[in-house]
Amino acid sequence: MTASAFEIPLIAAPQTFLITLAGMQYRLTLQYRDAAKAGWTLDIADANSQPLVCGIPLVTGVDLLEPYPDLDIKGQLWVQTDANPDAVPTFSGLGRESRVYFVAQ
């Protein structure tokens, strides 16, 4: 089976939206925490807004879903920054030079 990846379209602002990932609908919420060593965080809820996991930091170099196998989301979420693949997304860079990708499995 071949994995397929797509970019989740984001803007540099707090946002909540419905999205289908691997055939299931989820509500994603992104918020910016303006504190030392903080930044963008992700909450995942089901389509009825029931929280599944909250406060996942948007960091690069790891599958954001790996610590949550009980979610049973058939894929991975990755963050990548254009100029420096290891740079954490800034407030204004989200959706421009910092992108979030879903890789379906």
PDB file of N, CA and C in Angstrom:
ATOM      1  N   MET A   1       0.839  -1.176   0.000  1.00  0.00           N
ATOM      2  CA  MET A   1       0.000   0.000   0.000  1.00  0.00           C
ATOM      3  C   MET A   1       0.889   1.246   0.000  1.00  0.00           C
ATOM      4  N   THR A   2       0.563   2.204  -0.818  1.00  0.00           N
ATOM      5  CA  THR A   2       1.328   3.435  -0.925  1.00  0.00           C
ATOM      6  C   THR A   2       0.705   4.518  -0.057  1.00  0.00           C
ATOM      7  N   ALA A   3       1.548   5.234   0.686  1.00  0.00           N
ATOM      8  CA  ALA A   3       1.060   6.347   1.503  1.00  0.00           C
ATOM      9  C   ALA A   3       0.869   7.568   0.614  1.00  0.00           C
ATOM     10  N   SER A   4      -0.157   8.345   0.910  1.00  0.00           N
ATOM     11  CA  SER A   4      -0.371   9.587   0.170  1.00  0.00           C
ATOM     12  C   SER A   4      -0.389  10.746   1.157  1.00  0.00           C
ATOM     13  N   ALA A   5       0.234  11.857   0.760  1.00  0.00           N
ATOM     14  CA  ALA A   5       0.355  13.019   1.639  1.00  0.00           C
ATOM     15  C   ALA A   5      -0.355  14.208   1.026  1.00  0.00           C
ATOM     16  N   PHE A   6      -0.920  15.051   1.897  1.00  0.00           N
ATOM     17  CA  PHE A   6      -1.461  16.323   1.431  1.00  0.00           C
ATOM     18  C   PHE A   6      -1.261  17.374   2.509  1.00  0.00           C
ATOM     19  N   GLU A   7      -1.130  18.612   2.052  1.00  0.00           N
ATOM     20  CA  GLU A   7      -0.970  19.736   2.969  1.00  0.00           C
ATOM     21  C   GLU A   7      -2.333  20.158   3.490  1.00  0.00           C
ATOM     22  N   ILE A   8      -2.421  20.355   4.790  1.00  0.00           N
ATOM     23  CA  ILE A   8      -3.639  20.888   5.393  1.00  0.00           C
ATOM     24  C   ILE A   8      -3.566  22.406   5.266  1.00  0.00           C
ATOM     25  N   PRO A   9      -4.504  23.024   4.560  1.00  0.00           N
ATOM     26  CA  PRO A   9      -4.428  24.477   4.346  1.00  0.00           C
ATOM     27  C   PRO A   9      -4.681  25.239   5.648  1.00  0.00           C
ATOM     28  N   LEU A  10      -3.715  26.058   6.032  1.00  0.00           N
ATOM     29  CA  LEU A  10      -3.793  26.829   7.270  1.00  0.00           C
ATOM     30  C   LEU A  10      -3.482  28.290   7.004  1.00  0.00           C
ATOM     31  N   ILE A  11      -3.906  29.142   7.936  1.00  0.00           N
ATOM     32  CA  ILE A  11      -3.570  30.561   7.897  1.00  0.00           C
ATOM     33  C   ILE A  11      -2.896  30.920   9.218  1.00  0.00           C
ATOM     34  N   ALA A  12      -2.225  32.059   9.247  1.00  0.00           N
ATOM     35  CA  ALA A  12      -1.517  32.508  10.446  1.00  0.00           C
ATOM     36  C   ALA A  12      -2.488  33.209  11.391  1.00  0.00           C
ATOM     37  N   ALA A  13      -3.451  32.447  11.906  1.00  0.00           N
ATOM     38  CA  ALA A  13      -4.444  32.953  12.852  1.00  0.00           C
ATOM     39  C   ALA A  13      -5.060  31.752  13.563  1.00  0.00           C
ATOM     40  N   PRO A  14      -5.544  31.934  14.790  1.00  0.00           N
ATOM     41  CA  PRO A  14      -6.264  30.841  15.436  1.00  0.00           C
ATOM     42  C   PRO A  14      -7.432  30.407  14.551  1.00  0.00           C
ATOM     43  N   GLN A  15      -7.692  29.106  14.512  1.00  0.00           N
ATOM     44  CA  GLN A  15      -8.711  28.603  13.589  1.00  0.00           C
ATOM     45  C   GLN A  15      -9.257  27.264  14.045  1.00  0.00           C
ATOM     46  N   THR A  16     -10.502  27.012  13.662  1.00  0.00           N
ATOM     47  CA  THR A  16     -11.168  25.739  13.902  1.00  0.00           C
ATOM     48  C   THR A  16     -11.882  25.357  12.616  1.00  0.00           C
ATOM     49  N   PHE A  17     -11.740  24.092  12.211  1.00  0.00           N
ATOM     50  CA  PHE A  17     -12.368  23.655  10.969  1.00  0.00           C
ATOM     51  C   PHE A  17     -12.565  22.147  10.982  1.00  0.00           C
ATOM     52  N   LEU A  18     -13.491  21.694  10.158  1.00  0.00           N
ATOM     53  CA  LEU A  18     -13.711  20.268   9.942  1.00  0.00           C
ATOM     54  C   LEU A  18     -12.823  19.798   8.801  1.00  0.00           C
ATOM     55  N   ILE A  19     -12.296  18.583   8.939  1.00  0.00           N
ATOM     56  CA  ILE A  19     -11.453  18.018   7.892  1.00  0.00           C
ATOM     57  C   ILE A  19     -11.627  16.503   7.898  1.00  0.00           C
ATOM     58  N   THR A  20     -11.529  15.906   6.731  1.00  0.00           N
ATOM     59  CA  THR A  20     -11.580  14.456   6.617  1.00  0.00           C
ATOM     60  C   THR A  20     -10.156  13.931   6.503  1.00  0.00           C
ATOM     61  N   LEU A  21      -9.795  13.052   7.427  1.00  0.00           N
ATOM     62  CA  LEU A  21      -8.479  12.420   7.439  1.00  0.00           C
ATOM     63  C   LEU A  21      -8.688  10.913   7.388  1.00  0.00           C
ATOM     64  N   ALA A  22      -8.164  10.286   6.365  1.00  0.00           N
ATOM     65  CA  ALA A  22      -8.277   8.831   6.189  1.00  0.00           C
ATOM     66  C   ALA A  22      -9.728   8.368   6.296  1.00  0.00           C
ATOM     67  N   GLY A  23     -10.635   9.128   5.677  1.00  0.00           N
ATOM     68  CA  GLY A  23     -12.032   8.736   5.612  1.00  0.00           C
ATOM     69  C   GLY A  23     -12.878   9.083   6.824  1.00  0.00           C
ATOM     70  N   MET A  24     -12.288   9.688   7.837  1.00  0.00           N
ATOM     71  CA  MET A  24     -13.028  10.067   9.049  1.00  0.00           C
ATOM     72  C   MET A  24     -13.000  11.586   9.193  1.00  0.00           C
ATOM     73  N   GLN A  25     -14.100  12.144   9.695  1.00  0.00           N
ATOM     74  CA  GLN A  25     -14.167  13.592   9.852  1.00  0.00           C
ATOM     75  C   GLN A  25     -13.760  13.985  11.275  1.00  0.00           C
ATOM     76  N   TYR A  26     -12.912  15.025  11.353  1.00  0.00           N
ATOM     77  CA  TYR A  26     -12.418  15.545  12.630  1.00  0.00           C
ATOM     78  C   TYR A  26     -12.559  17.059  12.637  1.00  0.00           C
ATOM     79  N   ARG A  27     -12.597  17.619  13.845  1.00  0.00           N
ATOM     80  CA  ARG A  27     -12.579  19.070  14.015  1.00  0.00           C
ATOM     81  C   ARG A  27     -11.209  19.426  14.602  1.00  0.00           C
ATOM     82  N   LEU A  28     -10.430  20.192  13.843  1.00  0.00           N
ATOM     83  CA  LEU A  28      -9.109  20.622  14.299  1.00  0.00           C
ATOM     84  C   LEU A  28      -9.187  22.063  14.773  1.00  0.00           C
ATOM     85  N   THR A  29      -8.532  22.345  15.884  1.00  0.00           N
ATOM     86  CA  THR A  29      -8.430  23.701  16.413  1.00  0.00           C
ATOM     87  C   THR A  29      -6.961  24.007  16.616  1.00  0.00           C
ATOM     88  N   LEU A  30      -6.505  25.109  16.025  1.00  0.00           N
ATOM     89  CA  LEU A  30      -5.131  25.559  16.212  1.00  0.00           C
ATOM     90  C   LEU A  30      -5.160  26.877  16.965  1.00  0.00           C
ATOM     91  N   GLN A  31      -4.316  26.961  17.998  1.00  0.00           N
ATOM     92  CA  GLN A  31      -4.217  28.166  18.812  1.00  0.00           C
ATOM     93  C   GLN A  31      -2.750  28.503  19.005  1.00  0.00           C
ATOM     94  N   TYR A  32      -2.475  29.786  19.156  1.00  0.00           N
ATOM     95  CA  TYR A  32      -1.104  30.213  19.417  1.00  0.00           C
ATOM     96  C   TYR A  32      -0.987  30.599  20.880  1.00  0.00           C
ATOM     97  N   ARG A  33      -0.063  29.987  21.569  1.00  0.00           N
ATOM     98  CA  ARG A  33       0.209  30.279  22.980  1.00  0.00           C
ATOM     99  C   ARG A  33       1.430  31.185  23.030  1.00  0.00           C
ATOM    100  N   ASP A  34       1.207  32.435  23.347  1.00  0.00           N
ATOM    101  CA  ASP A  34       2.283  33.433  23.338  1.00  0.00           C
ATOM    102  C   ASP A  34       2.953  33.489  24.705  1.00  0.00           C
ATOM    103  N   ALA A  35       3.787  32.495  24.981  1.00  0.00           N
ATOM    104  CA  ALA A  35       4.528  32.420  26.235  1.00  0.00           C
ATOM    105  C   ALA A  35       5.893  31.813  25.929  1.00  0.00           C
ATOM    106  N   ALA A  36       6.796  31.921  26.883  1.00  0.00           N
ATOM    107  CA  ALA A  36       8.137  31.368  26.689  1.00  0.00           C
ATOM    108  C   ALA A  36       8.048  29.884  26.346  1.00  0.00           C
ATOM    109  N   LYS A  37       8.762  29.481  25.317  1.00  0.00           N
ATOM    110  CA  LYS A  37       8.816  28.091  24.848  1.00  0.00           C
ATOM    111  C   LYS A  37       7.444  27.540  24.478  1.00  0.00           C
ATOM    112  N   ALA A  38       6.536  28.404  24.128  1.00  0.00           N
ATOM    113  CA  ALA A  38       5.211  27.970  23.674  1.00  0.00           C
ATOM    114  C   ALA A  38       5.133  28.212  22.177  1.00  0.00           C
ATOM    115  N   GLY A  39       3.972  28.133  21.625  1.00  0.00           N
ATOM    116  CA  GLY A  39       3.786  28.344  20.192  1.00  0.00           C
ATOM    117  C   GLY A  39       2.443  27.789  19.778  1.00  0.00           C
ATOM    118  N   TRP A  40       2.376  27.305  18.551  1.00  0.00           N
ATOM    119  CA  TRP A  40       1.133  26.761  18.020  1.00  0.00           C
ATOM    120  C   TRP A  40       0.819  25.418  18.664  1.00  0.00           C
ATOM    121  N   THR A  41      -0.453  25.220  19.020  1.00  0.00           N
ATOM    122  CA  THR A  41      -0.908  23.935  19.537  1.00  0.00           C
ATOM    123  C   THR A  41      -2.125  23.473  18.741  1.00  0.00           C
ATOM    124  N   LEU A  42      -2.335  22.174  18.751  1.00  0.00           N
ATOM    125  CA  LEU A  42      -3.412  21.546  17.996  1.00  0.00           C
ATOM    126  C   LEU A  42      -4.310  20.753  18.933  1.00  0.00           C
ATOM    127  N   ASP A  43      -5.616  20.968  18.803  1.00  0.00           N
ATOM    128  CA  ASP A  43      -6.619  20.139  19.472  1.00  0.00           C
ATOM    129  C   ASP A  43      -7.339  19.339  18.392  1.00  0.00           C
ATOM    130  N   ILE A  44      -7.622  18.081  18.678  1.00  0.00           N
ATOM    131  CA  ILE A  44      -8.372  17.236  17.751  1.00  0.00           C
ATOM    132  C   ILE A  44      -9.641  16.778  18.458  1.00  0.00           C
ATOM    133  N   ALA A  45     -10.767  16.989  17.789  1.00  0.00           N
ATOM    134  CA  ALA A  45     -12.064  16.543  18.298  1.00  0.00           C
ATOM    135  C   ALA A  45     -12.752  15.733  17.209  1.00  0.00           C
ATOM    136  N   ASP A  46     -13.771  14.986  17.606  1.00  0.00           N
ATOM    137  CA  ASP A  46     -14.541  14.285  16.586  1.00  0.00           C
ATOM    138  C   ASP A  46     -15.458  15.281  15.880  1.00  0.00           C
ATOM    139  N   ALA A  47     -16.216  14.816  14.925  1.00  0.00           N
ATOM    140  CA  ALA A  47     -17.068  15.707  14.128  1.00  0.00           C
ATOM    141  C   ALA A  47     -18.148  16.380  14.967  1.00  0.00           C
ATOM    142  N   ASN A  48     -18.453  15.815  16.148  1.00  0.00           N
ATOM    143  CA  ASN A  48     -19.450  16.391  17.048  1.00  0.00           C
ATOM    144  C   ASN A  48     -18.826  17.290  18.108  1.00  0.00           C
ATOM    145  N   SER A  49     -17.556  17.637  17.919  1.00  0.00           N
ATOM    146  CA  SER A  49     -16.808  18.530  18.820  1.00  0.00           C
ATOM    147  C   SER A  49     -16.469  17.908  20.171  1.00  0.00           C
ATOM    148  N   GLN A  50     -16.508  16.581  20.274  1.00  0.00           N
ATOM    149  CA  GLN A  50     -16.068  15.919  21.499  1.00  0.00           C
ATOM    150  C   GLN A  50     -14.543  15.829  21.464  1.00  0.00           C
ATOM    151  N   PRO A  51     -13.848  16.418  22.441  1.00  0.00           N
ATOM    152  CA  PRO A  51     -12.381  16.408  22.423  1.00  0.00           C
ATOM    153  C   PRO A  51     -11.810  14.988  22.443  1.00  0.00           C
ATOM    154  N   LEU A  52     -10.811  14.777  21.598  1.00  0.00           N
ATOM    155  CA  LEU A  52     -10.080  13.512  21.573  1.00  0.00           C
ATOM    156  C   LEU A  52      -8.697  13.686  22.186  1.00  0.00           C
ATOM    157  N   VAL A  53      -8.030  14.774  21.835  1.00  0.00           N
ATOM    158  CA  VAL A  53      -6.726  15.119  22.410  1.00  0.00           C
ATOM    159  C   VAL A  53      -6.557  16.631  22.280  1.00  0.00           C
ATOM    160  N   CYS A  54      -5.956  17.248  23.298  1.00  0.00           N
ATOM    161  CA  CYS A  54      -5.817  18.710  23.311  1.00  0.00           C
ATOM    162  C   CYS A  54      -4.374  19.110  23.600  1.00  0.00           C
ATOM    163  N   GLY A  55      -3.962  20.212  22.990  1.00  0.00           N
ATOM    164  CA  GLY A  55      -2.676  20.820  23.312  1.00  0.00           C
ATOM    165  C   GLY A  55      -1.455  20.173  22.697  1.00  0.00           C
ATOM    166  N   ILE A  56      -1.591  19.535  21.545  1.00  0.00           N
ATOM    167  CA  ILE A  56      -0.422  18.948  20.880  1.00  0.00           C
ATOM    168  C   ILE A  56       0.430  20.087  20.330  1.00  0.00           C
ATOM    169  N   PRO A  57       1.682  20.225  20.768  1.00  0.00           N
ATOM    170  CA  PRO A  57       2.521  21.297  20.219  1.00  0.00           C
ATOM    171  C   PRO A  57       2.912  20.998  18.771  1.00  0.00           C
ATOM    172  N   LEU A  58       2.866  22.026  17.915  1.00  0.00           N
ATOM    173  CA  LEU A  58       3.295  21.862  16.521  1.00  0.00           C
ATOM    174  C   LEU A  58       4.813  21.952  16.482  1.00  0.00           C
ATOM    175  N   VAL A  59       5.450  20.806  16.496  1.00  0.00           N
ATOM    176  CA  VAL A  59       6.906  20.722  16.419  1.00  0.00           C
ATOM    177  C   VAL A  59       7.281  19.955  15.158  1.00  0.00           C
ATOM    178  N   THR A  60       8.484  20.175  14.690  1.00  0.00           N
ATOM    179  CA  THR A  60       8.943  19.521  13.472  1.00  0.00           C
ATOM    180  C   THR A  60       9.688  18.230  13.801  1.00  0.00           C
ATOM    181  N   GLY A  61       9.796  17.363  12.794  1.00  0.00           N
ATOM    182  CA  GLY A  61      10.641  16.182  12.908  1.00  0.00           C
ATOM    183  C   GLY A  61      10.009  14.961  13.545  1.00  0.00           C
ATOM    184  N   VAL A  62       8.739  15.044  13.934  1.00  0.00           N
ATOM    185  CA  VAL A  62       8.073  13.895  14.546  1.00  0.00           C
ATOM    186  C   VAL A  62       6.642  13.794  14.030  1.00  0.00           C
ATOM    187  N   ASP A  63       6.109  12.581  14.070  1.00  0.00           N
ATOM    188  CA  ASP A  63       4.694  12.371  13.774  1.00  0.00           C
ATOM    189  C   ASP A  63       3.908  12.828  14.998  1.00  0.00           C
ATOM    190  N   LEU A  64       3.094  13.860  14.841  1.00  0.00           N
ATOM    191  CA  LEU A  64       2.345  14.408  15.972  1.00  0.00           C
ATOM    192  C   LEU A  64       1.328  13.418  16.535  1.00  0.00           C
ATOM    193  N   LEU A  65       0.921  12.432  15.744  1.00  0.00           N
ATOM    194  CA  LEU A  65      -0.088  11.468  16.188  1.00  0.00           C
ATOM    195  C   LEU A  65       0.508  10.226  16.851  1.00  0.00           C
ATOM    196  N   GLU A  66       1.804  10.024  16.719  1.00  0.00           N
ATOM    197  CA  GLU A  66       2.424   8.798  17.235  1.00  0.00           C
ATOM    198  C   GLU A  66       2.133   8.549  18.720  1.00  0.00           C
ATOM    199  N   PRO A  67       2.139   9.561  19.589  1.00  0.00           N
ATOM    200  CA  PRO A  67       1.861   9.295  21.008  1.00  0.00           C
ATOM    201  C   PRO A  67       0.399   8.938  21.305  1.00  0.00           C
ATOM    202  N   TYR A  68      -0.462   8.967  20.292  1.00  0.00           N
ATOM    203  CA  TYR A  68      -1.896   8.774  20.503  1.00  0.00           C
ATOM    204  C   TYR A  68      -2.455   7.632  19.645  1.00  0.00           C
ATOM    205  N   PRO A  69      -1.944   6.412  19.805  1.00  0.00           N
ATOM    206  CA  PRO A  69      -2.434   5.308  18.971  1.00  0.00           C
ATOM    207  C   PRO A  69      -3.910   4.992  19.213  1.00  0.00           C
ATOM    208  N   ASP A  70      -4.428   5.322  20.390  1.00  0.00           N
ATOM    209  CA  ASP A  70      -5.838   5.046  20.688  1.00  0.00           C
ATOM    210  C   ASP A  70      -6.789   5.873  19.836  1.00  0.00           C
ATOM    211  N   LEU A  71      -6.297   6.964  19.220  1.00  0.00           N
ATOM    212  CA  LEU A  71      -7.154   7.748  18.329  1.00  0.00           C
ATOM    213  C   LEU A  71      -7.510   6.955  17.081  1.00  0.00           C
ATOM    214  N   ASP A  72      -6.644   6.011  16.731  1.00  0.00           N
ATOM    215  CA  ASP A  72      -6.852   5.144  15.564  1.00  0.00           C
ATOM    216  C   ASP A  72      -7.027   5.934  14.266  1.00  0.00           C
ATOM    217  N   ILE A  73      -6.307   7.050  14.158  1.00  0.00           N
ATOM    218  CA  ILE A  73      -6.289   7.814  12.908  1.00  0.00           C
ATOM    219  C   ILE A  73      -5.293   7.124  11.986  1.00  0.00           C
ATOM    220  N   LYS A  74      -5.731   6.733  10.817  1.00  0.00           N
ATOM    221  CA  LYS A  74      -4.916   5.945   9.888  1.00  0.00           C
ATOM    222  C   LYS A  74      -3.966   6.835   9.089  1.00  0.00           C
ATOM    223  N   GLY A  75      -2.982   7.396   9.783  1.00  0.00           N
ATOM    224  CA  GLY A  75      -2.011   8.243   9.114  1.00  0.00           C
ATOM    225  C   GLY A  75      -1.142   8.972  10.118  1.00  0.00           C
ATOM    226  N   GLN A  76      -0.376   9.908   9.595  1.00  0.00           N
ATOM    227  CA  GLN A  76       0.562  10.683  10.398  1.00  0.00           C
ATOM    228  C   GLN A  76       0.371  12.166  10.117  1.00  0.00           C
ATOM    229  N   LEU A  77       0.676  12.992  11.117  1.00  0.00           N
ATOM    230  CA  LEU A  77       0.694  14.452  10.951  1.00  0.00           C
ATOM    231  C   LEU A  77       2.124  14.934  11.143  1.00  0.00           C
ATOM    232  N   TRP A  78       2.616  15.690  10.165  1.00  0.00           N
ATOM    233  CA  TRP A  78       3.978  16.209  10.200  1.00  0.00           C
ATOM    234  C   TRP A  78       3.962  17.714   9.991  1.00  0.00           C
ATOM    235  N   VAL A  79       4.875  18.410  10.658  1.00  0.00           N
ATOM    236  CA  VAL A  79       5.066  19.850  10.473  1.00  0.00           C
ATOM    237  C   VAL A  79       6.416  20.041   9.800  1.00  0.00           C
ATOM    238  N   GLN A  80       6.455  20.893   8.802  1.00  0.00           N
ATOM    239  CA  GLN A  80       7.697  21.176   8.060  1.00  0.00           C
ATOM    240  C   GLN A  80       7.802  22.679   7.836  1.00  0.00           C
ATOM    241  N   THR A  81       8.995  23.215   8.049  1.00  0.00           N
ATOM    242  CA  THR A  81       9.249  24.630   7.790  1.00  0.00           C
ATOM    243  C   THR A  81      10.180  24.731   6.590  1.00  0.00           C
ATOM    244  N   ASP A  82       9.848  25.615   5.641  1.00  0.00           N
ATOM    245  CA  ASP A  82      10.566  25.694   4.363  1.00  0.00           C
ATOM    246  C   ASP A  82      12.068  25.926   4.508  1.00  0.00           C
ATOM    247  N   ALA A  83      12.470  27.034   5.092  1.00  0.00           N
ATOM    248  CA  ALA A  83      13.885  27.413   5.122  1.00  0.00           C
ATOM    249  C   ALA A  83      14.708  26.493   6.016  1.00  0.00           C
ATOM    250  N   ASN A  84      14.154  26.118   7.148  1.00  0.00           N
ATOM    251  CA  ASN A  84      14.856  25.261   8.092  1.00  0.00           C
ATOM    252  C   ASN A  84      13.882  24.172   8.533  1.00  0.00           C
ATOM    253  N   PRO A  85      14.064  22.938   8.084  1.00  0.00           N
ATOM    254  CA  PRO A  85      13.105  21.882   8.394  1.00  0.00           C
ATOM    255  C   PRO A  85      12.893  21.653   9.889  1.00  0.00           C
ATOM    256  N   ASP A  86      13.845  22.079  10.721  1.00  0.00           N
ATOM    257  CA  ASP A  86      13.738  21.861  12.161  1.00  0.00           C
ATOM    258  C   ASP A  86      13.210  23.066  12.928  1.00  0.00           C
ATOM    259  N   ALA A  87      12.921  24.166  12.246  1.00  0.00           N
ATOM    260  CA  ALA A  87      12.441  25.375  12.923  1.00  0.00           C
ATOM    261  C   ALA A  87      10.983  25.209  13.337  1.00  0.00           C
ATOM    262  N   VAL A  88      10.682  25.636  14.541  1.00  0.00           N
ATOM    263  CA  VAL A  88       9.307  25.598  15.044  1.00  0.00           C
ATOM    264  C   VAL A  88       8.507  26.700  14.353  1.00  0.00           C
ATOM    265  N   PRO A  89       7.255  26.438  13.988  1.00  0.00           N
ATOM    266  CA  PRO A  89       6.450  27.462  13.311  1.00  0.00           C
ATOM    267  C   PRO A  89       6.274  28.720  14.162  1.00  0.00           C
ATOM    268  N   THR A  90       6.459  29.860  13.535  1.00  0.00           N
ATOM    269  CA  THR A  90       6.201  31.135  14.201  1.00  0.00           C
ATOM    270  C   THR A  90       4.729  31.490  14.027  1.00  0.00           C
ATOM    271  N   PHE A  91       4.279  32.534  14.742  1.00  0.00           N
ATOM    272  CA  PHE A  91       2.882  32.941  14.608  1.00  0.00           C
ATOM    273  C   PHE A  91       2.562  33.299  13.167  1.00  0.00           C
ATOM    274  N   SER A  92       3.371  34.174  12.578  1.00  0.00           N
ATOM    275  CA  SER A  92       3.069  34.661  11.226  1.00  0.00           C
ATOM    276  C   SER A  92       3.451  33.665  10.135  1.00  0.00           C
ATOM    277  N   GLY A  93       4.242  32.649  10.467  1.00  0.00           N
ATOM    278  CA  GLY A  93       4.703  31.706   9.455  1.00  0.00           C
ATOM    279  C   GLY A  93       3.777  30.537   9.184  1.00  0.00           C
ATOM    280  N   LEU A  94       2.808  30.296  10.077  1.00  0.00           N
ATOM    281  CA  LEU A  94       1.931  29.144   9.883  1.00  0.00           C
ATOM    282  C   LEU A  94       1.142  29.288   8.590  1.00  0.00           C
ATOM    283  N   GLY A  95       1.196  28.257   7.762  1.00  0.00           N
ATOM    284  CA  GLY A  95       0.486  28.275   6.484  1.00  0.00           C
ATOM    285  C   GLY A  95       1.252  28.949   5.365  1.00  0.00           C
ATOM    286  N   ARG A  96       2.366  29.597   5.700  1.00  0.00           N
ATOM    287  CA  ARG A  96       3.184  30.256   4.674  1.00  0.00           C
ATOM    288  C   ARG A  96       4.511  29.522   4.532  1.00  0.00           C
ATOM    289  N   GLU A  97       5.408  29.675   5.510  1.00  0.00           N
ATOM    290  CA  GLU A  97       6.646  28.894   5.426  1.00  0.00           C
ATOM    291  C   GLU A  97       6.630  27.672   6.342  1.00  0.00           C
ATOM    292  N   SER A  98       5.656  27.577   7.213  1.00  0.00           N
ATOM    293  CA  SER A  98       5.475  26.392   8.058  1.00  0.00           C
ATOM    294  C   SER A  98       4.169  25.722   7.666  1.00  0.00           C
ATOM    295  N   ARG A  99       4.271  24.438   7.358  1.00  0.00           N
ATOM    296  CA  ARG A  99       3.110  23.728   6.824  1.00  0.00           C
ATOM    297  C   ARG A  99       2.860  22.440   7.614  1.00  0.00           C
ATOM    298  N   VAL A 100       1.606  22.020   7.616  1.00  0.00           N
ATOM    299  CA  VAL A 100       1.222  20.774   8.274  1.00  0.00           C
ATOM    300  C   VAL A 100       0.740  19.812   7.192  1.00  0.00           C
ATOM    301  N   TYR A 101       1.265  18.590   7.229  1.00  0.00           N
ATOM    302  CA  TYR A 101       0.934  17.569   6.236  1.00  0.00           C
ATOM    303  C   TYR A 101       0.307  16.358   6.917  1.00  0.00           C
ATOM    304  N   PHE A 102      -0.693  15.787   6.256  1.00  0.00           N
ATOM    305  CA  PHE A 102      -1.256  14.515   6.687  1.00  0.00           C
ATOM    306  C   PHE A 102      -0.811  13.461   5.689  1.00  0.00           C
ATOM    307  N   VAL A 103      -0.250  12.376   6.206  1.00  0.00           N
ATOM    308  CA  VAL A 103       0.190  11.259   5.372  1.00  0.00           C
ATOM    309  C   VAL A 103      -0.718  10.075   5.695  1.00  0.00           C
ATOM    310  N   ALA A 104      -1.625   9.777   4.775  1.00  0.00           N
ATOM    311  CA  ALA A 104      -2.560   8.664   4.964  1.00  0.00           C
ATOM    312  C   ALA A 104      -1.840   7.340   4.757  1.00  0.00           C
ATOM    313  N   GLN A 105      -2.273   6.321   5.486  1.00  0.00           N
ATOM    314  CA  GLN A 105      -1.652   5.002   5.350  1.00  0.00           C
ATOM    315  C   GLN A 105      -2.674   3.964   4.982  1.00  0.00           C
TER     316      GLN A 105
END
